[in-house]
Amino acid sequence: MSIEYDDKGKYYTNVIQKVPVPAMVQTTTNLIRGIVHVRHGERLKDEIEGSEQFVAMTDVSVYSADGKELYTGPFLALQKGQIVWVMPLNETQKGEE
């Protein structure tokens, strides 16, 4: 990893640090629970509105409209055009059902 410093002492690296945010995402056909990785200092909303076409999610569970778990997996690239709404979850919300 390379580190560069500017004249004010701020450093820059080629690694983008992200914060894991547990979230629930409603798509046009399914409900998805997992972790969205948000750039440090930004909001979940900022990640969704960014210029990338896909949102990366990890530790994912995909549910049908009737609540049946369809898929689980370590990674999902979700096309932003399929997102209806997004809600961040805290640990107490994630365990309640």
N, C-alpha and C. Protein backbone atom coordinates (compact mmCIF):
# COMPACT_ATOMS: atom_id res chain seq x y z
N MET A 1 0.85 -1.17 0.00
CA MET A 1 0.00 0.00 0.00
C MET A 1 0.90 1.24 0.00
N SER A 2 0.63 2.18 -0.89
CA SER A 2 1.40 3.41 -0.93
C SER A 2 0.67 4.51 -0.16
N ILE A 3 1.44 5.34 0.53
CA ILE A 3 0.87 6.46 1.29
C ILE A 3 1.55 7.73 0.83
N GLU A 4 0.75 8.73 0.49
CA GLU A 4 1.27 10.03 0.09
C GLU A 4 0.75 11.09 1.04
N TYR A 5 1.59 12.08 1.35
CA TYR A 5 1.21 13.16 2.25
C TYR A 5 1.20 14.48 1.50
N ASP A 6 0.23 15.35 1.82
CA ASP A 6 0.26 16.69 1.24
C ASP A 6 0.97 17.63 2.20
N ASP A 7 1.09 18.91 1.83
CA ASP A 7 1.84 19.86 2.65
C ASP A 7 1.16 20.18 3.97
N LYS A 8 -0.11 19.81 4.14
CA LYS A 8 -0.82 20.05 5.40
C LYS A 8 -0.79 18.82 6.31
N GLY A 9 -0.15 17.75 5.86
CA GLY A 9 -0.05 16.54 6.68
C GLY A 9 -1.15 15.53 6.44
N LYS A 10 -2.10 15.84 5.56
CA LYS A 10 -3.16 14.87 5.24
C LYS A 10 -2.56 13.76 4.39
N TYR A 11 -2.99 12.52 4.67
CA TYR A 11 -2.43 11.41 3.90
C TYR A 11 -3.47 10.81 2.96
N TYR A 12 -2.96 10.23 1.89
CA TYR A 12 -3.79 9.60 0.86
C TYR A 12 -3.23 8.20 0.61
N THR A 13 -4.13 7.22 0.47
CA THR A 13 -3.72 5.85 0.15
C THR A 13 -4.54 5.36 -1.04
N ASN A 14 -4.13 4.23 -1.60
CA ASN A 14 -4.89 3.65 -2.70
C ASN A 14 -5.98 2.69 -2.18
N VAL A 15 -6.16 2.64 -0.87
CA VAL A 15 -7.18 1.81 -0.25
C VAL A 15 -8.35 2.69 0.18
N ILE A 16 -9.57 2.32 -0.23
CA ILE A 16 -10.76 3.08 0.16
C ILE A 16 -11.33 2.42 1.40
N GLN A 17 -11.36 3.17 2.50
CA GLN A 17 -11.89 2.63 3.73
C GLN A 17 -13.41 2.78 3.73
N LYS A 18 -14.08 1.70 4.10
CA LYS A 18 -15.54 1.72 4.15
C LYS A 18 -16.01 1.19 5.50
N VAL A 19 -17.20 1.63 5.88
CA VAL A 19 -17.81 1.24 7.14
C VAL A 19 -18.96 0.28 6.83
N PRO A 20 -19.03 -0.89 7.49
CA PRO A 20 -20.14 -1.81 7.24
C PRO A 20 -21.42 -1.30 7.91
N VAL A 21 -22.51 -1.22 7.15
CA VAL A 21 -23.80 -0.76 7.66
C VAL A 21 -24.83 -1.85 7.40
N PRO A 22 -25.31 -2.53 8.45
CA PRO A 22 -26.38 -3.51 8.25
C PRO A 22 -27.61 -2.79 7.69
N ALA A 23 -28.23 -3.38 6.67
CA ALA A 23 -29.35 -2.70 6.01
C ALA A 23 -30.36 -3.70 5.46
N MET A 24 -31.57 -3.19 5.28
CA MET A 24 -32.63 -3.93 4.62
C MET A 24 -32.96 -3.15 3.35
N VAL A 25 -32.98 -3.85 2.21
CA VAL A 25 -33.21 -3.21 0.92
C VAL A 25 -34.40 -3.88 0.25
N GLN A 26 -35.41 -3.08 -0.11
CA GLN A 26 -36.55 -3.59 -0.87
C GLN A 26 -36.29 -3.34 -2.34
N THR A 27 -36.32 -4.41 -3.12
CA THR A 27 -36.20 -4.26 -4.58
C THR A 27 -37.59 -4.35 -5.18
N THR A 28 -37.67 -4.31 -6.47
CA THR A 28 -38.96 -4.41 -7.13
C THR A 28 -39.63 -5.76 -6.90
N THR A 29 -38.85 -6.80 -6.57
CA THR A 29 -39.42 -8.13 -6.38
C THR A 29 -39.07 -8.81 -5.07
N ASN A 30 -37.99 -8.40 -4.40
CA ASN A 30 -37.52 -9.11 -3.21
C ASN A 30 -37.09 -8.16 -2.10
N LEU A 31 -36.99 -8.72 -0.90
CA LEU A 31 -36.42 -8.01 0.24
C LEU A 31 -35.05 -8.60 0.49
N ILE A 32 -34.05 -7.74 0.68
CA ILE A 32 -32.68 -8.19 0.89
C ILE A 32 -32.18 -7.64 2.21
N ARG A 33 -31.59 -8.51 3.03
CA ARG A 33 -30.92 -8.10 4.25
C ARG A 33 -29.45 -8.41 4.10
N GLY A 34 -28.62 -7.47 4.51
CA GLY A 34 -27.19 -7.69 4.42
C GLY A 34 -26.44 -6.46 4.88
N ILE A 35 -25.20 -6.39 4.49
CA ILE A 35 -24.34 -5.29 4.90
C ILE A 35 -23.93 -4.49 3.66
N VAL A 36 -24.22 -3.20 3.70
CA VAL A 36 -23.79 -2.28 2.64
C VAL A 36 -22.53 -1.59 3.16
N HIS A 37 -21.53 -1.47 2.31
CA HIS A 37 -20.27 -0.87 2.72
C HIS A 37 -20.21 0.57 2.22
N VAL A 38 -20.19 1.50 3.20
CA VAL A 38 -20.29 2.93 2.94
C VAL A 38 -18.93 3.58 3.19
N ARG A 39 -18.54 4.47 2.31
CA ARG A 39 -17.27 5.19 2.49
C ARG A 39 -17.25 5.92 3.83
N HIS A 40 -16.11 5.89 4.47
CA HIS A 40 -15.95 6.54 5.77
C HIS A 40 -16.35 8.01 5.68
N GLY A 41 -17.21 8.45 6.60
CA GLY A 41 -17.65 9.84 6.63
C GLY A 41 -18.87 10.12 5.78
N GLU A 42 -19.38 9.11 5.08
CA GLU A 42 -20.58 9.30 4.25
C GLU A 42 -21.76 8.53 4.84
N ARG A 43 -22.94 8.79 4.29
CA ARG A 43 -24.16 8.14 4.74
C ARG A 43 -24.55 7.02 3.79
N LEU A 44 -25.44 6.16 4.26
CA LEU A 44 -25.98 5.10 3.41
C LEU A 44 -26.62 5.70 2.17
N LYS A 45 -27.33 6.79 2.35
CA LYS A 45 -27.96 7.51 1.24
C LYS A 45 -26.93 7.94 0.19
N ASP A 46 -25.78 8.39 0.64
CA ASP A 46 -24.72 8.81 -0.29
C ASP A 46 -24.23 7.64 -1.14
N GLU A 47 -24.11 6.47 -0.52
CA GLU A 47 -23.67 5.27 -1.26
C GLU A 47 -24.70 4.89 -2.32
N ILE A 48 -25.98 4.97 -1.97
CA ILE A 48 -27.05 4.62 -2.92
C ILE A 48 -27.13 5.62 -4.06
N GLU A 49 -26.89 6.89 -3.78
CA GLU A 49 -27.00 7.93 -4.81
C GLU A 49 -25.71 8.14 -5.60
N GLY A 50 -24.64 7.41 -5.27
CA GLY A 50 -23.37 7.57 -5.97
C GLY A 50 -23.45 7.21 -7.44
N SER A 51 -22.39 7.45 -8.17
CA SER A 51 -22.38 7.27 -9.62
C SER A 51 -22.26 5.81 -10.08
N GLU A 52 -21.88 4.91 -9.18
CA GLU A 52 -21.75 3.50 -9.55
C GLU A 52 -23.11 2.91 -9.91
N GLN A 53 -23.14 1.95 -10.80
CA GLN A 53 -24.39 1.32 -11.24
C GLN A 53 -24.87 0.26 -10.24
N PHE A 54 -23.94 -0.30 -9.45
CA PHE A 54 -24.28 -1.36 -8.51
C PHE A 54 -23.87 -0.98 -7.09
N VAL A 55 -24.58 -1.55 -6.11
CA VAL A 55 -24.23 -1.43 -4.70
C VAL A 55 -23.72 -2.78 -4.25
N ALA A 56 -22.56 -2.82 -3.62
CA ALA A 56 -22.00 -4.06 -3.10
C ALA A 56 -22.59 -4.35 -1.73
N MET A 57 -23.04 -5.59 -1.54
CA MET A 57 -23.56 -6.04 -0.25
C MET A 57 -22.87 -7.35 0.12
N THR A 58 -22.65 -7.57 1.41
CA THR A 58 -22.08 -8.82 1.89
C THR A 58 -23.01 -9.44 2.93
N ASP A 59 -22.75 -10.71 3.24
CA ASP A 59 -23.57 -11.47 4.21
C ASP A 59 -25.06 -11.29 3.91
N VAL A 60 -25.46 -11.67 2.72
CA VAL A 60 -26.77 -11.35 2.18
C VAL A 60 -27.77 -12.50 2.32
N SER A 61 -29.00 -12.12 2.64
CA SER A 61 -30.14 -13.04 2.58
C SER A 61 -31.20 -12.38 1.71
N VAL A 62 -31.74 -13.13 0.76
CA VAL A 62 -32.76 -12.62 -0.15
C VAL A 62 -34.07 -13.33 0.16
N TYR A 63 -35.14 -12.55 0.34
CA TYR A 63 -36.45 -13.08 0.71
C TYR A 63 -37.47 -12.80 -0.38
N SER A 64 -38.42 -13.71 -0.52
CA SER A 64 -39.53 -13.52 -1.47
C SER A 64 -40.56 -12.57 -0.88
N ALA A 65 -41.58 -12.24 -1.66
CA ALA A 65 -42.63 -11.33 -1.20
C ALA A 65 -43.39 -11.89 0.01
N ASP A 66 -43.45 -13.21 0.13
CA ASP A 66 -44.15 -13.81 1.27
C ASP A 66 -43.22 -14.09 2.46
N GLY A 67 -41.99 -13.62 2.40
CA GLY A 67 -41.06 -13.73 3.52
C GLY A 67 -40.22 -14.99 3.55
N LYS A 68 -40.31 -15.84 2.53
CA LYS A 68 -39.53 -17.07 2.45
C LYS A 68 -38.10 -16.75 2.02
N GLU A 69 -37.11 -17.29 2.74
CA GLU A 69 -35.72 -17.07 2.36
C GLU A 69 -35.41 -17.85 1.09
N LEU A 70 -34.97 -17.13 0.05
CA LEU A 70 -34.68 -17.75 -1.24
C LEU A 70 -33.20 -18.07 -1.41
N TYR A 71 -32.34 -17.13 -1.03
CA TYR A 71 -30.90 -17.27 -1.23
C TYR A 71 -30.15 -16.66 -0.05
N THR A 72 -28.97 -17.19 0.20
CA THR A 72 -28.02 -16.55 1.10
C THR A 72 -26.67 -16.62 0.43
N GLY A 73 -25.82 -15.68 0.76
CA GLY A 73 -24.50 -15.71 0.16
C GLY A 73 -23.58 -14.67 0.76
N PRO A 74 -22.29 -14.79 0.46
CA PRO A 74 -21.31 -13.86 1.02
C PRO A 74 -21.26 -12.51 0.30
N PHE A 75 -21.75 -12.46 -0.95
CA PHE A 75 -21.63 -11.21 -1.72
C PHE A 75 -22.78 -11.10 -2.72
N LEU A 76 -23.25 -9.86 -2.91
CA LEU A 76 -24.27 -9.57 -3.91
C LEU A 76 -23.99 -8.19 -4.49
N ALA A 77 -24.00 -8.07 -5.80
CA ALA A 77 -23.91 -6.77 -6.46
C ALA A 77 -25.33 -6.43 -6.91
N LEU A 78 -25.91 -5.44 -6.27
CA LEU A 78 -27.31 -5.07 -6.50
C LEU A 78 -27.40 -3.88 -7.44
N GLN A 79 -28.12 -4.04 -8.54
CA GLN A 79 -28.29 -2.94 -9.49
C GLN A 79 -29.17 -1.87 -8.86
N LYS A 80 -28.70 -0.66 -8.83
CA LYS A 80 -29.41 0.44 -8.15
C LYS A 80 -30.79 0.70 -8.72
N GLY A 81 -30.99 0.45 -9.99
CA GLY A 81 -32.28 0.68 -10.62
C GLY A 81 -33.38 -0.22 -10.07
N GLN A 82 -33.01 -1.29 -9.37
CA GLN A 82 -33.99 -2.22 -8.81
C GLN A 82 -34.40 -1.85 -7.38
N ILE A 83 -33.74 -0.85 -6.79
CA ILE A 83 -33.99 -0.49 -5.39
C ILE A 83 -35.24 0.38 -5.28
N VAL A 84 -36.15 -0.02 -4.39
CA VAL A 84 -37.35 0.76 -4.10
C VAL A 84 -37.12 1.60 -2.85
N TRP A 85 -36.61 0.97 -1.78
CA TRP A 85 -36.26 1.70 -0.56
C TRP A 85 -35.14 0.96 0.18
N VAL A 86 -34.47 1.71 1.07
CA VAL A 86 -33.37 1.18 1.87
C VAL A 86 -33.54 1.65 3.30
N MET A 87 -33.28 0.75 4.26
CA MET A 87 -33.37 1.13 5.66
C MET A 87 -32.16 0.57 6.41
N PRO A 88 -31.38 1.44 7.06
CA PRO A 88 -30.29 0.91 7.88
C PRO A 88 -30.87 0.19 9.10
N LEU A 89 -30.19 -0.86 9.53
CA LEU A 89 -30.63 -1.63 10.68
C LEU A 89 -29.59 -1.52 11.79
N ASN A 90 -30.06 -1.47 13.02
CA ASN A 90 -29.11 -1.64 14.10
C ASN A 90 -29.28 -3.06 14.59
N GLU A 91 -28.43 -3.53 15.47
CA GLU A 91 -28.44 -4.92 15.87
C GLU A 91 -29.75 -5.35 16.51
N THR A 92 -30.43 -4.47 17.25
CA THR A 92 -31.69 -4.86 17.88
C THR A 92 -32.78 -5.02 16.83
N GLN A 93 -32.80 -4.16 15.82
CA GLN A 93 -33.79 -4.30 14.75
C GLN A 93 -33.56 -5.57 13.96
N LYS A 94 -32.29 -5.91 13.70
CA LYS A 94 -31.96 -7.06 12.88
C LYS A 94 -32.45 -8.36 13.53
N GLY A 95 -32.41 -8.44 14.86
CA GLY A 95 -32.83 -9.63 15.56
C GLY A 95 -34.31 -9.73 15.81
N GLU A 96 -35.05 -8.63 15.68
CA GLU A 96 -36.48 -8.63 15.94
C GLU A 96 -37.24 -9.09 14.71
N GLU A 97 -38.20 -9.96 14.89
CA GLU A 97 -39.09 -10.37 13.79
C GLU A 97 -40.19 -11.21 14.35
